[in-house]
Amino acid sequence: MSGGARPSLLVTRRLPAPVEARLDKAYDATFNPDDRPLSPEALAAAFCKHDAVMPTVSDRITAEMLQAEGRRVQIVANVGVGYSNIDVDAATQAGVVVSNTPNVLTDATADLALLLILAATRRTYAAEKRLREGRWDGFSIVGGLGRSIQGKVLGIIGMGRIGRATAARAAAGFGMEIVYYNRSEIGDLPFTAQRLESIGAVMAAADVVSIHVPGGGAAPLVTADHIGLMKPEAYLINTARGDSLDQAALVAALAEGRIAGAGLDVFANEPEVPEALRALENVTLLPHLGSATREVREAMGHLAADNLDAFFMGTALPSRVV
């Protein structure tokens, strides 16, 4: 980008300071100092005011925004590997470029998936709650018992980068047996794994199920029927997308004791989390922290900026979606 007016950019949420400084230098950038989600109306108006929008996965980019009369936006540079928040078909029809930030958050998200596996199976939330409320009576041989994951079966739904990284950690660190469902066989895995024929087969076989699939479909990929196939002592982990799982069915299964527990980092209608879910002690809940390390969030911001720079310089984008 050289000469002429700088492209106008809306950044919908706060980014690490080095990324914001870079964007402010290269673009006529508008930031969101409150770091709260923009209203749909404000976001829609931005599409007629700016050349580019840099949203996060919590910003819903609709067909109406992308195809609005007077639309000015040429590129949506999503800060996140997932892009189910964007109507990609509408973007394609409108000629709007969409990019994302893959690869940089694989390890951090896999680390968090393993954290949730351990927290759920060792029942750490219920134990900490008891301690903080002053209800701990001291060490007990039979108190606060969880489950060991050593040698247990981990089922992976979606053996993409994050699914593979999670499985690798579980296999190497805890000797877990890996089964998985993926649309295609994955070759050359650095650990032993068996592909099963369906999601249901994985749900029925696993002691712990970890979801690693994109959301954005018309219906959840992991359904109430799938949850009904799980062992009573099994655990369900989701660090992918809240809408990839039938959340209401999971709440019912947890409340009725039909599965042992769960660990969730994502929710169906973020930032809303149902009271029925928050009240349960057999689920560990985190506020979408999968990529939340300083290093990773900065790398995500810089990759989104790289995509913007490439677009306005007329070169190939590092991670273009459409």
C-alpha atoms as a PDB file:
ATOM      1  CA  MET A   1       0.000   0.000   0.000  1.00  0.00           C
ATOM      2  CA  SER A   2       1.636   3.175  -1.132  1.00  0.00           C
ATOM      3  CA  GLY A   3       0.326   6.577  -2.065  1.00  0.00           C
ATOM      4  CA  GLY A   4      -3.247   7.829  -1.926  1.00  0.00           C
ATOM      5  CA  ALA A   5      -5.705   7.670   0.921  1.00  0.00           C
ATOM      6  CA  ARG A   6      -5.349   4.868   3.395  1.00  0.00           C
ATOM      7  CA  PRO A   7      -8.096   2.212   3.264  1.00  0.00           C
ATOM      8  CA  SER A   8     -10.768   2.649   5.907  1.00  0.00           C
ATOM      9  CA  LEU A   9     -10.930  -0.201   8.423  1.00  0.00           C
ATOM     10  CA  LEU A  10     -13.289  -1.111  11.256  1.00  0.00           C
ATOM     11  CA  VAL A  11     -11.848  -3.379  13.969  1.00  0.00           C
ATOM     12  CA  THR A  12     -14.828  -4.731  15.895  1.00  0.00           C
ATOM     13  CA  ARG A  13     -13.038  -5.733  19.134  1.00  0.00           C
ATOM     14  CA  ARG A  14      -9.853  -4.786  20.961  1.00  0.00           C
ATOM     15  CA  LEU A  15      -6.661  -6.472  19.761  1.00  0.00           C
ATOM     16  CA  PRO A  16      -3.214  -6.702  21.394  1.00  0.00           C
ATOM     17  CA  ALA A  17      -1.493  -3.304  21.447  1.00  0.00           C
ATOM     18  CA  PRO A  18       1.226  -4.148  18.871  1.00  0.00           C
ATOM     19  CA  VAL A  19      -1.445  -5.238  16.381  1.00  0.00           C
ATOM     20  CA  GLU A  20      -3.575  -2.146  16.925  1.00  0.00           C
ATOM     21  CA  ALA A  21      -0.495   0.061  16.481  1.00  0.00           C
ATOM     22  CA  ARG A  22       0.314  -1.672  13.200  1.00  0.00           C
ATOM     23  CA  LEU A  23      -3.238  -1.271  11.915  1.00  0.00           C
ATOM     24  CA  ASP A  24      -3.448   2.350  13.017  1.00  0.00           C
ATOM     25  CA  LYS A  25      -0.278   3.134  11.073  1.00  0.00           C
ATOM     26  CA  ALA A  26      -1.319   1.383   7.859  1.00  0.00           C
ATOM     27  CA  TYR A  27      -5.052   2.147   7.758  1.00  0.00           C
ATOM     28  CA  ASP A  28      -7.622   4.768   8.572  1.00  0.00           C
ATOM     29  CA  ALA A  29      -8.631   2.506  11.426  1.00  0.00           C
ATOM     30  CA  THR A  30     -11.623   2.752  13.730  1.00  0.00           C
ATOM     31  CA  PHE A  31     -11.330   0.710  16.919  1.00  0.00           C
ATOM     32  CA  ASN A  32     -13.882  -0.369  19.515  1.00  0.00           C
ATOM     33  CA  PRO A  33     -12.507   1.012  22.811  1.00  0.00           C
ATOM     34  CA  ASP A  34     -15.297  -0.536  24.907  1.00  0.00           C
ATOM     35  CA  ASP A  35     -14.442  -4.041  23.636  1.00  0.00           C
ATOM     36  CA  ARG A  36     -18.119  -4.973  23.675  1.00  0.00           C
ATOM     37  CA  PRO A  37     -19.948  -6.603  20.771  1.00  0.00           C
ATOM     38  CA  LEU A  38     -21.296  -4.110  18.272  1.00  0.00           C
ATOM     39  CA  SER A  39     -25.023  -4.159  17.680  1.00  0.00           C
ATOM     40  CA  PRO A  40     -26.198  -5.709  14.401  1.00  0.00           C
ATOM     41  CA  GLU A  41     -27.298  -2.239  13.328  1.00  0.00           C
ATOM     42  CA  ALA A  42     -23.884  -0.689  13.991  1.00  0.00           C
ATOM     43  CA  LEU A  43     -22.140  -3.544  12.219  1.00  0.00           C
ATOM     44  CA  ALA A  44     -24.461  -3.256   9.227  1.00  0.00           C
ATOM     45  CA  ALA A  45     -23.845   0.493   9.000  1.00  0.00           C
ATOM     46  CA  ALA A  46     -20.089  -0.125   9.017  1.00  0.00           C
ATOM     47  CA  PHE A  47     -20.347  -2.085   5.772  1.00  0.00           C
ATOM     48  CA  CYS A  48     -21.333   1.135   4.005  1.00  0.00           C
ATOM     49  CA  LYS A  49     -18.681   3.281   5.731  1.00  0.00           C
ATOM     50  CA  HIS A  50     -15.470   1.253   5.538  1.00  0.00           C
ATOM     51  CA  ASP A  51     -13.362  -0.548   2.946  1.00  0.00           C
ATOM     52  CA  ALA A  52     -12.596  -3.437   5.290  1.00  0.00           C
ATOM     53  CA  VAL A  53     -13.929  -5.006   8.460  1.00  0.00           C
ATOM     54  CA  MET A  54     -11.878  -7.068  10.897  1.00  0.00           C
ATOM     55  CA  PRO A  55     -14.409  -9.021  13.009  1.00  0.00           C
ATOM     56  CA  THR A  56     -14.053 -11.824  15.505  1.00  0.00           C
ATOM     57  CA  VAL A  57     -15.948 -15.111  15.579  1.00  0.00           C
ATOM     58  CA  SER A  58     -18.594 -13.526  17.819  1.00  0.00           C
ATOM     59  CA  ASP A  59     -19.605 -11.004  15.132  1.00  0.00           C
ATOM     60  CA  ARG A  60     -22.376 -12.296  12.871  1.00  0.00           C
ATOM     61  CA  ILE A  61     -21.734 -11.148   9.296  1.00  0.00           C
ATOM     62  CA  THR A  62     -24.998 -11.651   7.423  1.00  0.00           C
ATOM     63  CA  ALA A  63     -26.073 -11.734   3.799  1.00  0.00           C
ATOM     64  CA  GLU A  64     -27.908  -8.453   4.341  1.00  0.00           C
ATOM     65  CA  MET A  65     -24.662  -6.756   5.358  1.00  0.00           C
ATOM     66  CA  LEU A  66     -22.636  -8.276   2.543  1.00  0.00           C
ATOM     67  CA  GLN A  67     -25.183  -7.541  -0.172  1.00  0.00           C
ATOM     68  CA  ALA A  68     -26.501  -4.197   1.077  1.00  0.00           C
ATOM     69  CA  GLU A  69     -27.073  -1.386  -1.371  1.00  0.00           C
ATOM     70  CA  GLY A  70     -24.192   1.040  -0.984  1.00  0.00           C
ATOM     71  CA  ARG A  71     -21.896  -1.568   0.534  1.00  0.00           C
ATOM     72  CA  ARG A  72     -18.297  -0.363   0.597  1.00  0.00           C
ATOM     73  CA  VAL A  73     -16.525  -3.227   2.367  1.00  0.00           C
ATOM     74  CA  GLN A  74     -14.293  -5.269   0.065  1.00  0.00           C
ATOM     75  CA  ILE A  75     -12.718  -7.679   2.551  1.00  0.00           C
ATOM     76  CA  VAL A  76     -13.728  -9.302   5.834  1.00  0.00           C
ATOM     77  CA  ALA A  77     -10.533 -10.308   7.652  1.00  0.00           C
ATOM     78  CA  ASN A  78     -11.805 -12.593  10.400  1.00  0.00           C
ATOM     79  CA  VAL A  79      -9.710 -12.888  13.561  1.00  0.00           C
ATOM     80  CA  GLY A  80     -10.224 -16.595  14.206  1.00  0.00           C
ATOM     81  CA  VAL A  81      -9.762 -19.901  12.468  1.00  0.00           C
ATOM     82  CA  GLY A  82     -13.502 -20.545  12.260  1.00  0.00           C
ATOM     83  CA  TYR A  83     -15.698 -18.495   9.981  1.00  0.00           C
ATOM     84  CA  SER A  84     -19.173 -19.879  10.619  1.00  0.00           C
ATOM     85  CA  ASN A  85     -20.039 -16.363  11.813  1.00  0.00           C
ATOM     86  CA  ILE A  86     -19.804 -15.180   8.186  1.00  0.00           C
ATOM     87  CA  ASP A  87     -22.268 -15.985   5.412  1.00  0.00           C
ATOM     88  CA  VAL A  88     -19.555 -17.175   3.047  1.00  0.00           C
ATOM     89  CA  ASP A  89     -21.979 -17.951   0.218  1.00  0.00           C
ATOM     90  CA  ALA A  90     -23.317 -14.399   0.339  1.00  0.00           C
ATOM     91  CA  ALA A  91     -19.775 -13.033   0.420  1.00  0.00           C
ATOM     92  CA  THR A  92     -18.888 -15.059  -2.660  1.00  0.00           C
ATOM     93  CA  GLN A  93     -21.950 -13.808  -4.522  1.00  0.00           C
ATOM     94  CA  ALA A  94     -21.168 -10.220  -3.528  1.00  0.00           C
ATOM     95  CA  GLY A  95     -17.495 -10.493  -4.471  1.00  0.00           C
ATOM     96  CA  VAL A  96     -16.334  -9.802  -0.909  1.00  0.00           C
ATOM     97  CA  VAL A  97     -13.083 -11.511   0.082  1.00  0.00           C
ATOM     98  CA  VAL A  98     -13.052 -13.447   3.375  1.00  0.00           C
ATOM     99  CA  SER A  99      -9.926 -14.536   5.250  1.00  0.00           C
ATOM    100  CA  ASN A 100      -9.249 -16.278   8.560  1.00  0.00           C
ATOM    101  CA  THR A 101      -6.337 -17.022  10.912  1.00  0.00           C
ATOM    102  CA  PRO A 102      -5.612 -20.771  10.901  1.00  0.00           C
ATOM    103  CA  ASN A 103      -2.604 -22.667  12.276  1.00  0.00           C
ATOM    104  CA  VAL A 104      -1.469 -20.095  14.842  1.00  0.00           C
ATOM    105  CA  LEU A 105      -3.949 -21.249  17.507  1.00  0.00           C
ATOM    106  CA  THR A 106      -3.684 -25.032  17.113  1.00  0.00           C
ATOM    107  CA  ASP A 107      -1.435 -25.738  20.091  1.00  0.00           C
ATOM    108  CA  ALA A 108      -3.129 -23.323  22.479  1.00  0.00           C
ATOM    109  CA  THR A 109      -6.581 -24.749  21.747  1.00  0.00           C
ATOM    110  CA  ALA A 110      -5.361 -28.334  22.049  1.00  0.00           C
ATOM    111  CA  ASP A 111      -3.770 -27.443  25.387  1.00  0.00           C
ATOM    112  CA  LEU A 112      -7.101 -26.081  26.582  1.00  0.00           C
ATOM    113  CA  ALA A 113      -8.961 -29.172  25.384  1.00  0.00           C
ATOM    114  CA  LEU A 114      -6.635 -31.296  27.496  1.00  0.00           C
ATOM    115  CA  LEU A 115      -7.104 -28.922  30.428  1.00  0.00           C
ATOM    116  CA  LEU A 116     -10.873 -29.413  30.158  1.00  0.00           C
ATOM    117  CA  ILE A 117     -10.484 -33.178  29.884  1.00  0.00           C
ATOM    118  CA  LEU A 118      -8.516 -33.212  33.134  1.00  0.00           C
ATOM    119  CA  ALA A 119     -10.745 -30.684  34.893  1.00  0.00           C
ATOM    120  CA  ALA A 120     -13.910 -32.575  33.981  1.00  0.00           C
ATOM    121  CA  THR A 121     -12.657 -36.032  34.843  1.00  0.00           C
ATOM    122  CA  ARG A 122     -11.046 -34.904  38.119  1.00  0.00           C
ATOM    123  CA  ARG A 123     -14.117 -32.818  39.053  1.00  0.00           C
ATOM    124  CA  THR A 124     -12.016 -29.777  39.875  1.00  0.00           C
ATOM    125  CA  TYR A 125     -14.858 -27.243  39.649  1.00  0.00           C
ATOM    126  CA  ALA A 126     -16.988 -28.981  42.278  1.00  0.00           C
ATOM    127  CA  ALA A 127     -13.934 -29.389  44.520  1.00  0.00           C
ATOM    128  CA  GLU A 128     -12.858 -25.757  44.236  1.00  0.00           C
ATOM    129  CA  LYS A 129     -16.418 -24.545  44.806  1.00  0.00           C
ATOM    130  CA  ARG A 130     -16.644 -26.605  47.989  1.00  0.00           C
ATOM    131  CA  LEU A 131     -13.330 -25.199  49.214  1.00  0.00           C
ATOM    132  CA  ARG A 132     -14.156 -21.555  48.405  1.00  0.00           C
ATOM    133  CA  GLU A 133     -17.521 -21.850  50.139  1.00  0.00           C
ATOM    134  CA  GLY A 134     -15.849 -23.116  53.312  1.00  0.00           C
ATOM    135  CA  ARG A 135     -17.388 -26.573  53.044  1.00  0.00           C
ATOM    136  CA  TRP A 136     -14.118 -28.537  52.907  1.00  0.00           C
ATOM    137  CA  ASP A 137     -13.687 -30.679  56.029  1.00  0.00           C
ATOM    138  CA  GLY A 138     -10.128 -31.757  55.261  1.00  0.00           C
ATOM    139  CA  PHE A 139      -8.486 -34.624  53.434  1.00  0.00           C
ATOM    140  CA  SER A 140     -10.637 -37.689  52.814  1.00  0.00           C
ATOM    141  CA  ILE A 141      -9.722 -40.975  51.164  1.00  0.00           C
ATOM    142  CA  VAL A 142     -13.165 -41.268  49.605  1.00  0.00           C
ATOM    143  CA  GLY A 143     -13.974 -37.591  49.080  1.00  0.00           C
ATOM    144  CA  GLY A 144     -13.834 -35.688  45.792  1.00  0.00           C
ATOM    145  CA  LEU A 145     -13.053 -38.729  43.699  1.00  0.00           C
ATOM    146  CA  GLY A 146     -12.730 -38.243  39.967  1.00  0.00           C
ATOM    147  CA  ARG A 147     -11.640 -40.573  37.190  1.00  0.00           C
ATOM    148  CA  SER A 148      -8.207 -41.320  35.749  1.00  0.00           C
ATOM    149  CA  ILE A 149      -7.772 -40.913  31.999  1.00  0.00           C
ATOM    150  CA  GLN A 150      -4.661 -43.103  31.871  1.00  0.00           C
ATOM    151  CA  GLY A 151      -5.237 -45.783  29.233  1.00  0.00           C
ATOM    152  CA  LYS A 152      -8.839 -44.728  28.631  1.00  0.00           C
ATOM    153  CA  VAL A 153     -10.418 -44.216  25.189  1.00  0.00           C
ATOM    154  CA  LEU A 154     -10.486 -40.695  23.758  1.00  0.00           C
ATOM    155  CA  GLY A 155     -12.917 -40.117  20.914  1.00  0.00           C
ATOM    156  CA  ILE A 156     -12.140 -37.248  18.563  1.00  0.00           C
ATOM    157  CA  ILE A 157     -14.960 -35.795  16.451  1.00  0.00           C
ATOM    158  CA  GLY A 158     -13.140 -34.038  13.614  1.00  0.00           C
ATOM    159  CA  MET A 159      -9.480 -34.966  13.129  1.00  0.00           C
ATOM    160  CA  GLY A 160      -8.293 -31.600  11.827  1.00  0.00           C
ATOM    161  CA  ARG A 161      -5.249 -29.756  13.119  1.00  0.00           C
ATOM    162  CA  ILE A 162      -6.639 -29.157  16.605  1.00  0.00           C
ATOM    163  CA  GLY A 163      -8.180 -32.617  16.850  1.00  0.00           C
ATOM    164  CA  ARG A 164      -4.852 -34.200  15.909  1.00  0.00           C
ATOM    165  CA  ALA A 165      -2.932 -32.024  18.367  1.00  0.00           C
ATOM    166  CA  THR A 166      -5.338 -32.919  21.177  1.00  0.00           C
ATOM    167  CA  ALA A 167      -5.121 -36.629  20.389  1.00  0.00           C
ATOM    168  CA  ALA A 168      -1.320 -36.482  20.233  1.00  0.00           C
ATOM    169  CA  ARG A 169      -1.147 -34.939  23.704  1.00  0.00           C
ATOM    170  CA  ALA A 170      -3.573 -37.469  25.161  1.00  0.00           C
ATOM    171  CA  ALA A 171      -1.805 -40.443  23.586  1.00  0.00           C
ATOM    172  CA  ALA A 172       1.730 -39.379  24.480  1.00  0.00           C
ATOM    173  CA  GLY A 173       1.033 -37.970  27.921  1.00  0.00           C
ATOM    174  CA  PHE A 174      -1.620 -40.335  29.226  1.00  0.00           C
ATOM    175  CA  GLY A 175      -1.463 -43.427  27.047  1.00  0.00           C
ATOM    176  CA  MET A 176      -5.031 -42.872  25.884  1.00  0.00           C
ATOM    177  CA  GLU A 177      -6.360 -45.002  23.054  1.00  0.00           C
ATOM    178  CA  ILE A 178      -7.603 -42.855  20.193  1.00  0.00           C
ATOM    179  CA  VAL A 179     -10.705 -43.443  18.095  1.00  0.00           C
ATOM    180  CA  TYR A 180     -12.056 -40.796  15.783  1.00  0.00           C
ATOM    181  CA  TYR A 181     -14.661 -39.819  13.260  1.00  0.00           C
ATOM    182  CA  ASN A 182     -13.639 -37.825  10.219  1.00  0.00           C
ATOM    183  CA  ARG A 183     -15.119 -37.623   6.754  1.00  0.00           C
ATOM    184  CA  SER A 184     -11.950 -39.203   5.393  1.00  0.00           C
ATOM    185  CA  GLU A 185      -9.204 -41.439   6.714  1.00  0.00           C
ATOM    186  CA  ILE A 186      -6.211 -39.546   8.109  1.00  0.00           C
ATOM    187  CA  GLY A 187      -2.877 -41.077   7.177  1.00  0.00           C
ATOM    188  CA  ASP A 188       0.572 -40.693   8.735  1.00  0.00           C
ATOM    189  CA  LEU A 189      -0.644 -39.838  12.224  1.00  0.00           C
ATOM    190  CA  PRO A 190       2.190 -39.756  14.802  1.00  0.00           C
ATOM    191  CA  PHE A 191       0.098 -41.938  17.125  1.00  0.00           C
ATOM    192  CA  THR A 192      -2.071 -45.022  16.782  1.00  0.00           C
ATOM    193  CA  ALA A 193      -5.702 -44.213  16.054  1.00  0.00           C
ATOM    194  CA  GLN A 194      -8.722 -46.054  14.704  1.00  0.00           C
ATOM    195  CA  ARG A 195     -11.252 -44.349  12.457  1.00  0.00           C
ATOM    196  CA  LEU A 196     -14.829 -45.400  13.200  1.00  0.00           C
ATOM    197  CA  GLU A 197     -17.687 -45.289  10.721  1.00  0.00           C
ATOM    198  CA  SER A 198     -19.873 -42.682  12.410  1.00  0.00           C
ATOM    199  CA  ILE A 199     -20.134 -40.062  15.116  1.00  0.00           C
ATOM    200  CA  GLY A 200     -22.421 -42.403  17.004  1.00  0.00           C
ATOM    201  CA  ALA A 201     -19.822 -45.169  16.993  1.00  0.00           C
ATOM    202  CA  VAL A 202     -17.244 -42.820  18.517  1.00  0.00           C
ATOM    203  CA  MET A 203     -19.692 -41.534  21.133  1.00  0.00           C
ATOM    204  CA  ALA A 204     -20.524 -45.085  22.197  1.00  0.00           C
ATOM    205  CA  ALA A 205     -16.915 -46.295  22.323  1.00  0.00           C
ATOM    206  CA  ALA A 206     -15.171 -43.419  24.097  1.00  0.00           C
ATOM    207  CA  ASP A 207     -14.624 -42.640  27.757  1.00  0.00           C
ATOM    208  CA  VAL A 208     -14.001 -39.020  26.782  1.00  0.00           C
ATOM    209  CA  VAL A 209     -15.326 -37.373  23.603  1.00  0.00           C
ATOM    210  CA  SER A 210     -13.682 -34.179  22.339  1.00  0.00           C
ATOM    211  CA  ILE A 211     -15.373 -32.144  19.595  1.00  0.00           C
ATOM    212  CA  HIS A 212     -13.215 -30.435  16.968  1.00  0.00           C
ATOM    213  CA  VAL A 213     -15.542 -29.619  14.072  1.00  0.00           C
ATOM    214  CA  PRO A 214     -16.695 -26.283  12.629  1.00  0.00           C
ATOM    215  CA  GLY A 215     -20.185 -25.096  13.442  1.00  0.00           C
ATOM    216  CA  GLY A 216     -22.493 -22.975  11.357  1.00  0.00           C
ATOM    217  CA  GLY A 217     -24.707 -25.774  10.068  1.00  0.00           C
ATOM    218  CA  ALA A 218     -28.485 -25.732  10.027  1.00  0.00           C
ATOM    219  CA  ALA A 219     -28.479 -28.227  12.905  1.00  0.00           C
ATOM    220  CA  PRO A 220     -25.889 -29.385  15.461  1.00  0.00           C
ATOM    221  CA  LEU A 221     -23.553 -32.097  14.207  1.00  0.00           C
ATOM    222  CA  VAL A 222     -23.543 -33.800  17.614  1.00  0.00           C
ATOM    223  CA  THR A 223     -27.195 -34.457  18.414  1.00  0.00           C
ATOM    224  CA  ALA A 224     -29.285 -35.599  21.364  1.00  0.00           C
ATOM    225  CA  ASP A 225     -29.293 -39.106  19.890  1.00  0.00           C
ATOM    226  CA  HIS A 226     -25.487 -39.100  19.804  1.00  0.00           C
ATOM    227  CA  ILE A 227     -25.295 -37.962  23.425  1.00  0.00           C
ATOM    228  CA  GLY A 228     -27.707 -40.747  24.308  1.00  0.00           C
ATOM    229  CA  LEU A 229     -25.173 -43.295  23.056  1.00  0.00           C
ATOM    230  CA  MET A 230     -22.476 -42.226  25.527  1.00  0.00           C
ATOM    231  CA  LYS A 231     -21.454 -44.368  28.476  1.00  0.00           C
ATOM    232  CA  PRO A 232     -22.873 -43.250  31.850  1.00  0.00           C
ATOM    233  CA  GLU A 233     -19.304 -42.656  33.082  1.00  0.00           C
ATOM    234  CA  ALA A 234     -18.205 -40.750  29.956  1.00  0.00           C
ATOM    235  CA  TYR A 235     -17.329 -37.073  29.525  1.00  0.00           C
ATOM    236  CA  LEU A 236     -17.975 -34.633  26.674  1.00  0.00           C
ATOM    237  CA  ILE A 237     -15.552 -31.810  25.794  1.00  0.00           C
ATOM    238  CA  ASN A 238     -16.210 -28.972  23.336  1.00  0.00           C
ATOM    239  CA  THR A 239     -13.603 -26.390  22.322  1.00  0.00           C
ATOM    240  CA  ALA A 240     -14.845 -26.058  18.732  1.00  0.00           C
ATOM    241  CA  ARG A 241     -18.109 -24.170  18.190  1.00  0.00           C
ATOM    242  CA  GLY A 242     -21.099 -23.933  20.476  1.00  0.00           C
ATOM    243  CA  ASP A 243     -23.546 -24.692  17.683  1.00  0.00           C
ATOM    244  CA  SER A 244     -21.754 -27.922  16.745  1.00  0.00           C
ATOM    245  CA  LEU A 245     -23.416 -29.547  19.772  1.00  0.00           C
ATOM    246  CA  ASP A 246     -27.049 -29.830  20.907  1.00  0.00           C
ATOM    247  CA  GLN A 247     -26.529 -27.781  24.053  1.00  0.00           C
ATOM    248  CA  ALA A 248     -30.003 -28.351  25.502  1.00  0.00           C
ATOM    249  CA  ALA A 249     -29.599 -32.115  25.137  1.00  0.00           C
ATOM    250  CA  LEU A 250     -26.232 -31.947  26.890  1.00  0.00           C
ATOM    251  CA  VAL A 251     -27.707 -29.966  29.787  1.00  0.00           C
ATOM    252  CA  ALA A 252     -30.434 -32.580  30.187  1.00  0.00           C
ATOM    253  CA  ALA A 253     -27.944 -35.461  30.105  1.00  0.00           C
ATOM    254  CA  LEU A 254     -25.762 -33.788  32.741  1.00  0.00           C
ATOM    255  CA  ALA A 255     -28.672 -32.843  34.994  1.00  0.00           C
ATOM    256  CA  GLU A 256     -30.128 -36.346  34.838  1.00  0.00           C
ATOM    257  CA  GLY A 257     -26.764 -38.041  35.404  1.00  0.00           C
ATOM    258  CA  ARG A 258     -26.862 -39.863  32.074  1.00  0.00           C
ATOM    259  CA  ILE A 259     -23.225 -38.903  31.484  1.00  0.00           C
ATOM    260  CA  ALA A 260     -20.578 -38.183  34.099  1.00  0.00           C
ATOM    261  CA  GLY A 261     -19.563 -34.675  33.134  1.00  0.00           C
ATOM    262  CA  ALA A 262     -18.456 -32.174  30.538  1.00  0.00           C
ATOM    263  CA  GLY A 263     -15.992 -29.394  29.810  1.00  0.00           C
ATOM    264  CA  LEU A 264     -17.088 -26.498  27.603  1.00  0.00           C
ATOM    265  CA  ASP A 265     -15.216 -23.505  26.220  1.00  0.00           C
ATOM    266  CA  VAL A 266     -17.885 -22.540  23.672  1.00  0.00           C
ATOM    267  CA  PHE A 267     -21.643 -22.064  23.803  1.00  0.00           C
ATOM    268  CA  ALA A 268     -24.586 -21.969  21.430  1.00  0.00           C
ATOM    269  CA  ASN A 269     -25.495 -18.282  21.832  1.00  0.00           C
ATOM    270  CA  GLU A 270     -22.410 -16.588  23.213  1.00  0.00           C
ATOM    271  CA  PRO A 271     -22.101 -14.737  25.489  1.00  0.00           C
ATOM    272  CA  GLU A 272     -25.377 -16.155  26.844  1.00  0.00           C
ATOM    273  CA  VAL A 273     -24.949 -19.286  28.964  1.00  0.00           C
ATOM    274  CA  PRO A 274     -28.170 -20.834  30.302  1.00  0.00           C
ATOM    275  CA  GLU A 275     -28.692 -20.783  34.060  1.00  0.00           C
ATOM    276  CA  ALA A 276     -29.496 -24.498  33.864  1.00  0.00           C
ATOM    277  CA  LEU A 277     -25.953 -25.093  32.613  1.00  0.00           C
ATOM    278  CA  ARG A 278     -24.252 -22.661  35.001  1.00  0.00           C
ATOM    279  CA  ALA A 279     -25.956 -24.310  37.978  1.00  0.00           C
ATOM    280  CA  LEU A 280     -24.468 -27.749  37.308  1.00  0.00           C
ATOM    281  CA  GLU A 281     -21.417 -28.886  39.267  1.00  0.00           C
ATOM    282  CA  ASN A 282     -20.473 -31.693  36.886  1.00  0.00           C
ATOM    283  CA  VAL A 283     -19.431 -29.347  34.088  1.00  0.00           C
ATOM    284  CA  THR A 284     -16.390 -27.091  33.780  1.00  0.00           C
ATOM    285  CA  LEU A 285     -17.196 -23.845  31.950  1.00  0.00           C
ATOM    286  CA  LEU A 286     -14.710 -21.440  30.375  1.00  0.00           C
ATOM    287  CA  PRO A 287     -15.500 -18.184  28.503  1.00  0.00           C
ATOM    288  CA  HIS A 288     -14.106 -19.038  25.045  1.00  0.00           C
ATOM    289  CA  LEU A 289     -10.432 -19.118  26.045  1.00  0.00           C
ATOM    290  CA  GLY A 290      -9.186 -21.635  23.467  1.00  0.00           C
ATOM    291  CA  SER A 291      -6.639 -19.307  21.877  1.00  0.00           C
ATOM    292  CA  ALA A 292      -6.309 -16.963  24.855  1.00  0.00           C
ATOM    293  CA  THR A 293      -2.584 -16.629  25.314  1.00  0.00           C
ATOM    294  CA  ARG A 294      -0.767 -13.374  24.674  1.00  0.00           C
ATOM    295  CA  GLU A 295       1.426 -15.002  22.069  1.00  0.00           C
ATOM    296  CA  VAL A 296      -1.403 -16.599  20.129  1.00  0.00           C
ATOM    297  CA  ARG A 297      -3.806 -13.658  20.183  1.00  0.00           C
ATOM    298  CA  GLU A 298      -1.033 -11.386  18.929  1.00  0.00           C
ATOM    299  CA  ALA A 299      -0.155 -13.876  16.177  1.00  0.00           C
ATOM    300  CA  MET A 300      -3.828 -14.076  15.166  1.00  0.00           C
ATOM    301  CA  GLY A 301      -4.050 -10.301  14.916  1.00  0.00           C
ATOM    302  CA  HIS A 302      -0.889 -10.068  12.833  1.00  0.00           C
ATOM    303  CA  LEU A 303      -2.099 -12.796  10.464  1.00  0.00           C
ATOM    304  CA  ALA A 304      -5.391 -10.954   9.984  1.00  0.00           C
ATOM    305  CA  ALA A 305      -3.356  -7.804   9.274  1.00  0.00           C
ATOM    306  CA  ASP A 306      -1.184  -9.744   6.816  1.00  0.00           C
ATOM    307  CA  ASN A 307      -4.345 -10.721   4.948  1.00  0.00           C
ATOM    308  CA  LEU A 308      -5.491  -7.098   4.818  1.00  0.00           C
ATOM    309  CA  ASP A 309      -2.091  -5.890   3.608  1.00  0.00           C
ATOM    310  CA  ALA A 310      -1.953  -8.522   0.883  1.00  0.00           C
ATOM    311  CA  PHE A 311      -5.457  -7.690  -0.317  1.00  0.00           C
ATOM    312  CA  PHE A 312      -4.834  -3.978  -0.652  1.00  0.00           C
ATOM    313  CA  MET A 313      -1.442  -4.579  -2.273  1.00  0.00           C
ATOM    314  CA  GLY A 314      -3.028  -6.942  -4.793  1.00  0.00           C
ATOM    315  CA  THR A 315      -1.022 -10.004  -3.755  1.00  0.00           C
ATOM    316  CA  ALA A 316      -2.056 -13.489  -2.614  1.00  0.00           C
ATOM    317  CA  LEU A 317      -3.572 -13.616   0.855  1.00  0.00           C
ATOM    318  CA  PRO A 318      -1.823 -15.917   3.370  1.00  0.00           C
ATOM    319  CA  SER A 319      -5.129 -17.473   4.452  1.00  0.00           C
ATOM    320  CA  ARG A 320      -7.973 -16.650   2.104  1.00  0.00           C
ATOM    321  CA  VAL A 321     -11.297 -18.455   2.549  1.00  0.00           C
ATOM    322  CA  VAL A 322     -13.126 -17.022  -0.496  1.00  0.00           C
END
